C-alpha atoms as a PDB file:
ATOM      1  CA  MET A   1      73.635 102.522  89.438  1.00  0.00           C
ATOM      2  CA  PRO A   2      75.965 103.391  92.377  1.00  0.00           C
ATOM      3  CA  LYS A   3      79.544 102.197  92.187  1.00  0.00           C
ATOM      4  CA  LEU A   4      80.088  98.978  94.129  1.00  0.00           C
ATOM      5  CA  LYS A   5      82.860  98.453  96.635  1.00  0.00           C
ATOM      6  CA  GLU A   6      85.333  95.600  96.126  1.00  0.00           C
ATOM      7  CA  SER A   7      83.482  93.669  98.859  1.00  0.00           C
ATOM      8  CA  GLU A   8      80.079  93.949  97.094  1.00  0.00           C
ATOM      9  CA  ARG A   9      78.447  92.177  94.188  1.00  0.00           C
ATOM     10  CA  SER A  10      75.628  93.209  91.854  1.00  0.00           C
ATOM     11  CA  THR A  11      72.680  90.791  91.937  1.00  0.00           C
ATOM     12  CA  PHE A  12      70.992  92.863  89.204  1.00  0.00           C
ATOM     13  CA  ARG A  13      73.958  92.275  86.897  1.00  0.00           C
ATOM     14  CA  GLU A  14      73.938  88.533  87.661  1.00  0.00           C
ATOM     15  CA  ILE A  15      70.216  88.159  86.957  1.00  0.00           C
ATOM     16  CA  SER A  16      70.534  90.251  83.770  1.00  0.00           C
ATOM     17  CA  SER A  17      73.373  87.999  82.586  1.00  0.00           C
ATOM     18  CA  ILE A  18      71.263  84.861  83.179  1.00  0.00           C
ATOM     19  CA  ILE A  19      68.269  86.360  81.308  1.00  0.00           C
ATOM     20  CA  LEU A  20      70.427  87.385  78.339  1.00  0.00           C
ATOM     21  CA  LYS A  21      71.986  83.912  78.129  1.00  0.00           C
ATOM     22  CA  LEU A  22      68.516  82.328  78.319  1.00  0.00           C
ATOM     23  CA  ILE A  23      67.189  84.523  75.509  1.00  0.00           C
ATOM     24  CA  LEU A  24      70.233  83.746  73.366  1.00  0.00           C
ATOM     25  CA  CYS A  25      69.858  79.995  73.978  1.00  0.00           C
ATOM     26  CA  VAL A  26      66.156  80.084  73.028  1.00  0.00           C
ATOM     27  CA  VAL A  27      66.965  82.008  69.826  1.00  0.00           C
ATOM     28  CA  LEU A  28      69.753  79.582  68.885  1.00  0.00           C
ATOM     29  CA  ILE A  29      67.577  76.497  69.564  1.00  0.00           C
ATOM     30  CA  TYR A  30      64.726  77.975  67.493  1.00  0.00           C
ATOM     31  CA  PHE A  31      67.168  78.880  64.724  1.00  0.00           C
ATOM     32  CA  SER A  32      68.475  75.277  64.694  1.00  0.00           C
ATOM     33  CA  ASN A  33      65.003  73.674  64.647  1.00  0.00           C
ATOM     34  CA  GLN A  34      63.424  76.144  62.202  1.00  0.00           C
ATOM     35  CA  PRO A  35      66.307  77.125  59.904  1.00  0.00           C
ATOM     36  CA  PRO A  36      65.655  79.457  56.971  1.00  0.00           C
ATOM     37  CA  LEU A  37      66.357  78.178  53.431  1.00  0.00           C
ATOM     38  CA  TRP A  38      69.654  80.059  53.060  1.00  0.00           C
ATOM     39  CA  TYR A  39      70.861  78.533  56.356  1.00  0.00           C
ATOM     40  CA  LYS A  40      71.290  75.062  54.754  1.00  0.00           C
ATOM     41  CA  THR A  41      73.435  76.473  51.976  1.00  0.00           C
ATOM     42  CA  VAL A  42      76.102  77.658  54.441  1.00  0.00           C
ATOM     43  CA  PRO A  43      77.396  74.560  56.332  1.00  0.00           C
ATOM     44  CA  ILE A  44      79.906  76.548  58.386  1.00  0.00           C
ATOM     45  CA  LEU A  45      77.056  78.639  59.793  1.00  0.00           C
ATOM     46  CA  ALA A  46      75.349  75.505  61.141  1.00  0.00           C
ATOM     47  CA  LYS A  47      78.596  74.526  62.844  1.00  0.00           C
ATOM     48  CA  LEU A  48      78.957  77.983  64.340  1.00  0.00           C
ATOM     49  CA  VAL A  49      75.391  78.048  65.665  1.00  0.00           C
ATOM     50  CA  TYR A  50      75.773  74.540  67.148  1.00  0.00           C
ATOM     51  CA  SER A  51      79.079  75.451  68.852  1.00  0.00           C
ATOM     52  CA  VAL A  52      77.731  78.720  70.272  1.00  0.00           C
ATOM     53  CA  MET A  53      74.603  76.895  71.461  1.00  0.00           C
ATOM     54  CA  ILE A  54      76.735  74.302  73.310  1.00  0.00           C
ATOM     55  CA  PHE A  55      78.750  77.014  75.051  1.00  0.00           C
ATOM     56  CA  PHE A  56      75.831  79.208  76.113  1.00  0.00           C
ATOM     57  CA  SER A  57      73.648  76.251  77.170  1.00  0.00           C
ATOM     58  CA  VAL A  58      76.325  74.998  79.552  1.00  0.00           C
ATOM     59  CA  SER A  59      77.238  78.553  80.640  1.00  0.00           C
ATOM     60  CA  LEU A  60      73.554  79.233  81.414  1.00  0.00           C
ATOM     61  CA  SER A  61      73.305  76.039  83.500  1.00  0.00           C
ATOM     62  CA  VAL A  62      76.477  76.926  85.416  1.00  0.00           C
ATOM     63  CA  SER A  63      75.269  80.509  86.014  1.00  0.00           C
ATOM     64  CA  ILE A  64      71.880  79.326  87.345  1.00  0.00           C
ATOM     65  CA  LEU A  65      73.537  76.746  89.598  1.00  0.00           C
ATOM     66  CA  ARG A  66      75.998  79.378  90.852  1.00  0.00           C
ATOM     67  CA  TYR A  67      73.144  81.833  91.540  1.00  0.00           C
ATOM     68  CA  PHE A  68      71.238  79.314  93.670  1.00  0.00           C
ATOM     69  CA  VAL A  69      74.363  78.116  95.535  1.00  0.00           C
ATOM     70  CA  VAL A  70      75.366  81.702  96.372  1.00  0.00           C
ATOM     71  CA  ASN A  71      71.862  82.672  97.497  1.00  0.00           C
ATOM     72  CA  ILE A  72      71.515  79.564  99.677  1.00  0.00           C
ATOM     73  CA  TYR A  73      74.882  80.432 101.254  1.00  0.00           C
ATOM     74  CA  ILE A  74      73.783  84.057 101.839  1.00  0.00           C
ATOM     75  CA  ARG A  75      70.485  83.041 103.451  1.00  0.00           C
ATOM     76  CA  LYS A  76      72.107  80.370 105.572  1.00  0.00           C
ATOM     77  CA  ASN A  77      74.675  82.842 106.938  1.00  0.00           C
ATOM     78  CA  LYS A  78      72.197  85.757 107.073  1.00  0.00           C
ATOM     79  CA  LEU A  79      74.356  88.030 104.918  1.00  0.00           C
ATOM     80  CA  LYS A  80      73.441  91.025 102.770  1.00  0.00           C
ATOM     81  CA  SER A  81      72.444  90.168  99.211  1.00  0.00           C
ATOM     82  CA  SER A  82      75.250  92.387  97.856  1.00  0.00           C
ATOM     83  CA  VAL A  83      78.019  90.770  99.924  1.00  0.00           C
ATOM     84  CA  LYS A  84      81.069  89.327  98.160  1.00  0.00           C
ATOM     85  CA  ASP A  85      83.158  87.278 100.581  1.00  0.00           C
ATOM     86  CA  ASN A  86      85.774  84.556 100.077  1.00  0.00           C
ATOM     87  CA  PHE A  87      83.257  81.745  99.446  1.00  0.00           C
ATOM     88  CA  ILE A  88      81.485  83.724  96.710  1.00  0.00           C
ATOM     89  CA  LEU A  89      84.851  84.780  95.291  1.00  0.00           C
ATOM     90  CA  GLY A  90      85.889  81.115  95.097  1.00  0.00           C
ATOM     91  CA  ILE A  91      82.625  80.125  93.391  1.00  0.00           C
ATOM     92  CA  ASN A  92      83.121  82.939  90.856  1.00  0.00           C
ATOM     93  CA  GLN A  93      86.626  81.717  90.021  1.00  0.00           C
ATOM     94  CA  ILE A  94      85.413  78.111  89.563  1.00  0.00           C
ATOM     95  CA  VAL A  95      82.646  79.364  87.246  1.00  0.00           C
ATOM     96  CA  SER A  96      85.254  81.322  85.231  1.00  0.00           C
ATOM     97  CA  VAL A  97      87.394  78.203  84.853  1.00  0.00           C
ATOM     98  CA  LEU A  98      84.369  76.104  83.760  1.00  0.00           C
ATOM     99  CA  ASN A  99      83.316  78.746  81.218  1.00  0.00           C
ATOM    100  CA  THR A 100      86.847  78.764  79.783  1.00  0.00           C
ATOM    101  CA  VAL A 101      86.887  74.949  79.531  1.00  0.00           C
ATOM    102  CA  PHE A 102      83.503  74.792  77.788  1.00  0.00           C
ATOM    103  CA  PHE A 103      84.478  77.620  75.444  1.00  0.00           C
ATOM    104  CA  ILE A 104      87.471  75.515  74.343  1.00  0.00           C
ATOM    105  CA  VAL A 105      85.193  72.465  73.927  1.00  0.00           C
ATOM    106  CA  ALA A 106      82.738  74.522  71.803  1.00  0.00           C
ATOM    107  CA  LEU A 107      85.644  75.820  69.714  1.00  0.00           C
ATOM    108  CA  MET A 108      86.806  72.221  69.126  1.00  0.00           C
ATOM    109  CA  TYR A 109      83.346  71.246  67.868  1.00  0.00           C
ATOM    110  CA  PHE A 110      83.390  74.226  65.510  1.00  0.00           C
ATOM    111  CA  LEU A 111      86.793  73.128  64.164  1.00  0.00           C
ATOM    112  CA  GLY A 112      85.538  69.557  63.743  1.00  0.00           C
ATOM    113  CA  ILE A 113      87.654  68.116  66.563  1.00  0.00           C
ATOM    114  CA  ASN A 114      86.181  65.500  68.902  1.00  0.00           C
ATOM    115  CA  PRO A 115      87.170  66.719  72.420  1.00  0.00           C
ATOM    116  CA  ILE A 116      87.248  63.212  73.978  1.00  0.00           C
ATOM    117  CA  LYS A 117      89.395  61.719  71.218  1.00  0.00           C
ATOM    118  CA  PHE A 118      91.620  64.796  71.239  1.00  0.00           C
ATOM    119  CA  ILE A 119      92.242  64.592  75.002  1.00  0.00           C
ATOM    120  CA  THR A 120      92.910  60.831  74.745  1.00  0.00           C
ATOM    121  CA  SER A 121      95.373  61.300  71.892  1.00  0.00           C
ATOM    122  CA  ILE A 122      97.429  63.951  73.680  1.00  0.00           C
ATOM    123  CA  THR A 123      97.562  62.305  77.126  1.00  0.00           C
ATOM    124  CA  ILE A 124     101.372  62.222  77.138  1.00  0.00           C
ATOM    125  CA  VAL A 125     101.605  65.794  75.880  1.00  0.00           C
ATOM    126  CA  ALA A 126      99.034  66.890  78.476  1.00  0.00           C
ATOM    127  CA  ALA A 127     101.115  65.248  81.224  1.00  0.00           C
ATOM    128  CA  ALA A 128     104.214  67.115  80.005  1.00  0.00           C
ATOM    129  CA  ILE A 129     102.294  70.411  79.917  1.00  0.00           C
ATOM    130  CA  ALA A 130     100.992  69.784  83.447  1.00  0.00           C
ATOM    131  CA  LEU A 131     104.540  69.120  84.634  1.00  0.00           C
ATOM    132  CA  LEU A 132     105.829  72.320  83.033  1.00  0.00           C
ATOM    133  CA  SER A 133     102.971  74.385  84.441  1.00  0.00           C
ATOM    134  CA  LYS A 134     103.271  72.881  87.929  1.00  0.00           C
ATOM    135  CA  GLU A 135     103.820  76.280  89.551  1.00  0.00           C
ATOM    136  CA  TYR A 136     100.813  77.754  87.724  1.00  0.00           C
ATOM    137  CA  ILE A 137      98.579  74.877  88.867  1.00  0.00           C
ATOM    138  CA  SER A 138      99.972  75.134  92.399  1.00  0.00           C
ATOM    139  CA  ASN A 139      99.084  78.847  92.425  1.00  0.00           C
ATOM    140  CA  MET A 140      95.512  78.050  91.319  1.00  0.00           C
ATOM    141  CA  ILE A 141      95.045  75.391  94.012  1.00  0.00           C
ATOM    142  CA  ASN A 142      96.502  77.696  96.676  1.00  0.00           C
ATOM    143  CA  GLY A 143      94.207  80.463  95.438  1.00  0.00           C
ATOM    144  CA  LEU A 144      91.113  78.283  95.893  1.00  0.00           C
ATOM    145  CA  ILE A 145      92.276  77.256  99.380  1.00  0.00           C
ATOM    146  CA  ILE A 146      92.727  80.931 100.322  1.00  0.00           C
ATOM    147  CA  MET A 147      89.285  81.827  98.937  1.00  0.00           C
ATOM    148  CA  PHE A 148      87.389  79.072 100.745  1.00  0.00           C
ATOM    149  CA  ALA A 149      89.263  79.585 104.028  1.00  0.00           C
ATOM    150  CA  ASP A 150      88.423  82.382 106.451  1.00  0.00           C
ATOM    151  CA  LYS A 151      91.965  83.446 107.294  1.00  0.00           C
ATOM    152  CA  LEU A 152      92.149  86.170 104.629  1.00  0.00           C
ATOM    153  CA  SER A 153      89.241  88.226 103.313  1.00  0.00           C
ATOM    154  CA  LEU A 154      88.695  91.174 101.003  1.00  0.00           C
ATOM    155  CA  GLY A 155      89.389  94.398 102.894  1.00  0.00           C
ATOM    156  CA  ASP A 156      91.725  92.785 105.463  1.00  0.00           C
ATOM    157  CA  HIS A 157      94.883  94.733 106.299  1.00  0.00           C
ATOM    158  CA  ILE A 158      97.777  92.255 106.219  1.00  0.00           C
ATOM    159  CA  LYS A 159     101.560  92.144 106.260  1.00  0.00           C
ATOM    160  CA  VAL A 160     103.463  89.603 104.141  1.00  0.00           C
ATOM    161  CA  GLY A 161     107.219  89.856 104.481  1.00  0.00           C
ATOM    162  CA  ASN A 162     108.103  93.478 103.740  1.00  0.00           C
ATOM    163  CA  GLU A 163     104.776  94.184 102.024  1.00  0.00           C
ATOM    164  CA  GLU A 164     101.812  95.592 103.914  1.00  0.00           C
ATOM    165  CA  GLY A 165      98.412  96.760 102.753  1.00  0.00           C
ATOM    166  CA  LYS A 166      94.689  96.122 102.284  1.00  0.00           C
ATOM    167  CA  ILE A 167      93.496  93.121 100.251  1.00  0.00           C
ATOM    168  CA  VAL A 168      91.556  94.498  97.267  1.00  0.00           C
ATOM    169  CA  ASP A 169      91.300  91.284  95.239  1.00  0.00           C
ATOM    170  CA  ILE A 170      92.030  87.557  95.407  1.00  0.00           C
ATOM    171  CA  THR A 171      92.398  85.701  92.102  1.00  0.00           C
ATOM    172  CA  LEU A 172      93.376  82.162  91.180  1.00  0.00           C
ATOM    173  CA  LEU A 173      96.974  83.320  90.760  1.00  0.00           C
ATOM    174  CA  ASN A 174      97.555  86.310  93.042  1.00  0.00           C
ATOM    175  CA  VAL A 175      96.503  88.270  96.077  1.00  0.00           C
ATOM    176  CA  ILE A 176      96.465  92.003  95.305  1.00  0.00           C
ATOM    177  CA  LEU A 177      97.259  94.500  98.069  1.00  0.00           C
ATOM    178  CA  GLN A 178      96.880  98.270  98.133  1.00  0.00           C
ATOM    179  CA  ASN A 179      99.687  99.712 100.236  1.00  0.00           C
ATOM    180  CA  GLU A 180      99.932 103.065 102.030  1.00  0.00           C
ATOM    181  CA  ASP A 181     101.178 104.777  98.857  1.00  0.00           C
ATOM    182  CA  ASN A 182      98.129 103.499  96.913  1.00  0.00           C
ATOM    183  CA  ASP A 183     100.387 101.184  94.915  1.00  0.00           C
ATOM    184  CA  MET A 184      98.970  97.821  93.855  1.00  0.00           C
ATOM    185  CA  VAL A 185     101.202  95.018  95.122  1.00  0.00           C
ATOM    186  CA  VAL A 186     100.667  91.643  93.399  1.00  0.00           C
ATOM    187  CA  ILE A 187     101.753  88.652  95.496  1.00  0.00           C
ATOM    188  CA  PRO A 188     101.585  85.087  94.052  1.00  0.00           C
ATOM    189  CA  ASN A 189      99.302  82.731  95.968  1.00  0.00           C
ATOM    190  CA  SER A 190     102.169  80.285  96.495  1.00  0.00           C
ATOM    191  CA  VAL A 191     104.092  83.036  98.348  1.00  0.00           C
ATOM    192  CA  ILE A 192     101.020  83.874 100.453  1.00  0.00           C
ATOM    193  CA  PHE A 193     100.435  80.199 101.215  1.00  0.00           C
ATOM    194  CA  ASN A 194     104.030  79.598 102.342  1.00  0.00           C
ATOM    195  CA  SER A 195     104.674  82.863 104.200  1.00  0.00           C
ATOM    196  CA  VAL A 196     104.087  84.072 107.726  1.00  0.00           C
ATOM    197  CA  ILE A 197     101.177  86.515 107.464  1.00  0.00           C
ATOM    198  CA  ILE A 198     100.126  89.094 110.042  1.00  0.00           C
ATOM    199  CA  ASN A 199      96.416  89.835 109.617  1.00  0.00           C
ATOM    200  CA  GLN A 200      95.796  92.992 111.600  1.00  0.00           C
ATOM    201  CA  SER A 201      92.097  93.098 110.700  1.00  0.00           C
ATOM    202  CA  LYS A 202      91.441  89.774 112.446  1.00  0.00           C
ATOM    203  CA  GLN A 203      93.063  91.191 115.583  1.00  0.00           C
ATOM    204  CA  ASN A 204      90.522  94.048 115.571  1.00  0.00           C
ATOM    205  CA  VAL A 205      93.450  96.453 116.070  1.00  0.00           C
ATOM    206  CA  LYS A 206      95.840  98.241 113.754  1.00  0.00           C
ATOM    207  CA  LYS A 207      99.510  98.363 114.647  1.00  0.00           C
ATOM    208  CA  LEU A 208     101.880 100.980 113.315  1.00  0.00           C
ATOM    209  CA  THR A 209     105.524  99.954 113.534  1.00  0.00           C
ATOM    210  CA  VAL A 210     108.693 101.885 112.840  1.00  0.00           C
ATOM    211  CA  GLU A 211     112.083 100.189 112.978  1.00  0.00           C
ATOM    212  CA  PHE A 212     115.461 101.885 112.913  1.00  0.00           C
ATOM    213  CA  GLU A 213     119.081 101.374 113.885  1.00  0.00           C
ATOM    214  CA  VAL A 214     121.302 103.660 115.977  1.00  0.00           C
ATOM    215  CA  ASP A 215     125.059 103.675 116.403  1.00  0.00           C
ATOM    216  CA  VAL A 216     125.904 101.914 119.665  1.00  0.00           C
ATOM    217  CA  SER A 217     128.096 104.878 120.661  1.00  0.00           C
ATOM    218  CA  LYS A 218     124.926 106.992 121.139  1.00  0.00           C
ATOM    219  CA  LYS A 219     124.094 104.843 124.176  1.00  0.00           C
ATOM    220  CA  PHE A 220     120.359 105.261 123.653  1.00  0.00           C
ATOM    221  CA  THR A 221     117.988 103.100 125.683  1.00  0.00           C
ATOM    222  CA  ALA A 222     114.424 102.057 124.811  1.00  0.00           C
ATOM    223  CA  GLU A 223     113.137 104.014 127.818  1.00  0.00           C
ATOM    224  CA  PHE A 224     114.891 107.199 126.670  1.00  0.00           C
ATOM    225  CA  LEU A 225     113.530 106.920 123.134  1.00  0.00           C
ATOM    226  CA  GLU A 226     110.037 106.150 124.395  1.00  0.00           C
ATOM    227  CA  GLU A 227     110.078 109.309 126.502  1.00  0.00           C
ATOM    228  CA  GLN A 228     111.303 111.444 123.571  1.00  0.00           C
ATOM    229  CA  LEU A 229     108.859 110.024 121.016  1.00  0.00           C
ATOM    230  CA  ALA A 230     105.827 110.169 123.324  1.00  0.00           C
ATOM    231  CA  VAL A 231     105.626 113.920 122.617  1.00  0.00           C
ATOM    232  CA  VAL A 232     104.349 113.166 119.097  1.00  0.00           C
ATOM    233  CA  LEU A 233     101.318 111.261 120.410  1.00  0.00           C
ATOM    234  CA  LYS A 234      99.807 114.268 122.204  1.00  0.00           C
ATOM    235  CA  ASP A 235      98.066 115.335 118.987  1.00  0.00           C
ATOM    236  CA  TYR A 236      96.641 111.832 118.366  1.00  0.00           C
ATOM    237  CA  LYS A 237      94.402 111.279 121.383  1.00  0.00           C
ATOM    238  CA  GLY A 238      91.471 109.057 120.413  1.00  0.00           C
ATOM    239  CA  PHE A 239      93.395 107.693 117.446  1.00  0.00           C
ATOM    240  CA  VAL A 240      96.068 105.920 119.499  1.00  0.00           C
ATOM    241  CA  VAL A 241      95.029 103.350 122.127  1.00  0.00           C
ATOM    242  CA  GLU A 242      95.800 104.449 125.685  1.00  0.00           C
ATOM    243  CA  ASP A 243      99.077 102.843 126.837  1.00  0.00           C
ATOM    244  CA  GLY A 244      99.394 101.467 123.286  1.00  0.00           C
ATOM    245  CA  PHE A 245     102.825 102.984 122.635  1.00  0.00           C
ATOM    246  CA  SER A 246     106.148 101.251 123.240  1.00  0.00           C
ATOM    247  CA  VAL A 247     109.776 101.186 122.122  1.00  0.00           C
ATOM    248  CA  LYS A 248     111.632  97.875 122.212  1.00  0.00           C
ATOM    249  CA  THR A 249     115.237  96.857 121.684  1.00  0.00           C
ATOM    250  CA  ILE A 250     115.120  94.118 119.058  1.00  0.00           C
ATOM    251  CA  PHE A 251     118.794  93.165 118.909  1.00  0.00           C
ATOM    252  CA  VAL A 252     122.276  94.572 119.474  1.00  0.00           C
ATOM    253  CA  LYS A 253     125.095  94.229 116.964  1.00  0.00           C
ATOM    254  CA  LYS A 254     128.737  95.148 117.351  1.00  0.00           C
ATOM    255  CA  ASP A 255     128.208  98.715 116.086  1.00  0.00           C
ATOM    256  CA  LEU A 256     124.425  99.116 115.958  1.00  0.00           C
ATOM    257  CA  VAL A 257     121.347  98.797 118.147  1.00  0.00           C
ATOM    258  CA  HIS A 258     118.071  97.912 116.405  1.00  0.00           C
ATOM    259  CA  PHE A 259     114.939  99.511 117.916  1.00  0.00           C
ATOM    260  CA  LYS A 260     111.261  98.973 117.146  1.00  0.00           C
ATOM    261  CA  VAL A 261     108.553 101.578 117.806  1.00  0.00           C
ATOM    262  CA  GLN A 262     105.042 100.146 118.051  1.00  0.00           C
ATOM    263  CA  VAL A 263     101.823 102.167 118.226  1.00  0.00           C
ATOM    264  CA  ILE A 264      98.412 100.480 118.565  1.00  0.00           C
ATOM    265  CA  LEU A 265      95.650 102.420 116.820  1.00  0.00           C
ATOM    266  CA  ASN A 266      91.953 102.473 117.645  1.00  0.00           C
ATOM    267  CA  HIS A 267      90.915 102.322 114.001  1.00  0.00           C
ATOM    268  CA  TYR A 268      92.296 102.351 110.483  1.00  0.00           C
ATOM    269  CA  ASP A 269      92.874 105.813 109.021  1.00  0.00           C
ATOM    270  CA  LYS A 270      95.433 105.774 106.222  1.00  0.00           C
ATOM    271  CA  LEU A 271      96.048 109.538 106.130  1.00  0.00           C
ATOM    272  CA  ARG A 272      96.483 109.985 109.890  1.00  0.00           C
ATOM    273  CA  GLU A 273      98.634 106.870 110.091  1.00  0.00           C
ATOM    274  CA  ARG A 274     100.903 108.178 107.340  1.00  0.00           C
ATOM    275  CA  LYS A 275     101.186 111.562 109.082  1.00  0.00           C
ATOM    276  CA  LEU A 276     101.998 109.911 112.421  1.00  0.00           C
ATOM    277  CA  ARG A 277     104.658 107.725 110.798  1.00  0.00           C
ATOM    278  CA  LYS A 278     106.314 110.760 109.195  1.00  0.00           C
ATOM    279  CA  GLU A 279     106.355 112.651 112.497  1.00  0.00           C
ATOM    280  CA  LEU A 280     107.895 109.681 114.301  1.00  0.00           C
ATOM    281  CA  TYR A 281     110.646 109.417 111.682  1.00  0.00           C
ATOM    282  CA  HIS A 282     111.221 113.192 111.905  1.00  0.00           C
ATOM    283  CA  ILE A 283     111.699 113.056 115.694  1.00  0.00           C
ATOM    284  CA  ILE A 284     113.911 109.970 115.423  1.00  0.00           C
ATOM    285  CA  LEU A 285     116.193 111.733 112.923  1.00  0.00           C
ATOM    286  CA  GLN A 286     116.376 114.773 115.186  1.00  0.00           C
ATOM    287  CA  ILE A 287     117.310 112.618 118.187  1.00  0.00           C
ATOM    288  CA  ILE A 288     120.007 110.760 116.250  1.00  0.00           C
ATOM    289  CA  ALA A 289     121.417 114.009 114.826  1.00  0.00           C
ATOM    290  CA  LYS A 290     121.991 115.502 118.297  1.00  0.00           C
END
């Protein structure tokens, strides 16, 4: 089976999982209704079978419901069957949470604990735990909002504060970026939710920016720097948008002038972008050194 991209899902794997759960549920139900003689002599085994049956029965129901919801969504929006967008990602995370909850419930039954009575008896403790894990819960809620919104998607190239890269995964707790150095940058959902984000993929253009400061005594102007740096772009025709290069003066301090070089690219090419950035820095250092 070919390796899937981060933006794809395997329908074969999903159907196989549902079939395996169905077979296991049928076996467990048959085993409970037609137990062998030795089965009655081991009480703990009956508890185990009952608990496992509860978990897989509910998990099977959730998986089937998820499969139909996802396929209805795909048909309605006329998407490929292998697509994995934010909506499907959000559904997957909800299913994971439900499976975890029902696993805990099944474990309680196995240990002889009534889940309803247990939850009722620890209401005050549960409230204290919720208060202590407020940030964790906030991250989960923010994660679901991000997943079901269309502002950020898998594969988008975004900038959050000083971090920039391609979104490779969105979880209930974090958004994971892959930056230009192939490092994985993990950003909490609460930070994403409360930060100013530049989504270059939604703009249909990719911007390369280089910022630097020069001693005010050099008396450089934006026009002069633009003329000097334009030489680098001669080898990047087709990659750089025509008239998509500029140098701006951002601010002037007592001893320094802060400049910003901006290049608009026709498409995303990590290797060429990295090479162009290095060449720009090289020329800038040469200009400053003169």
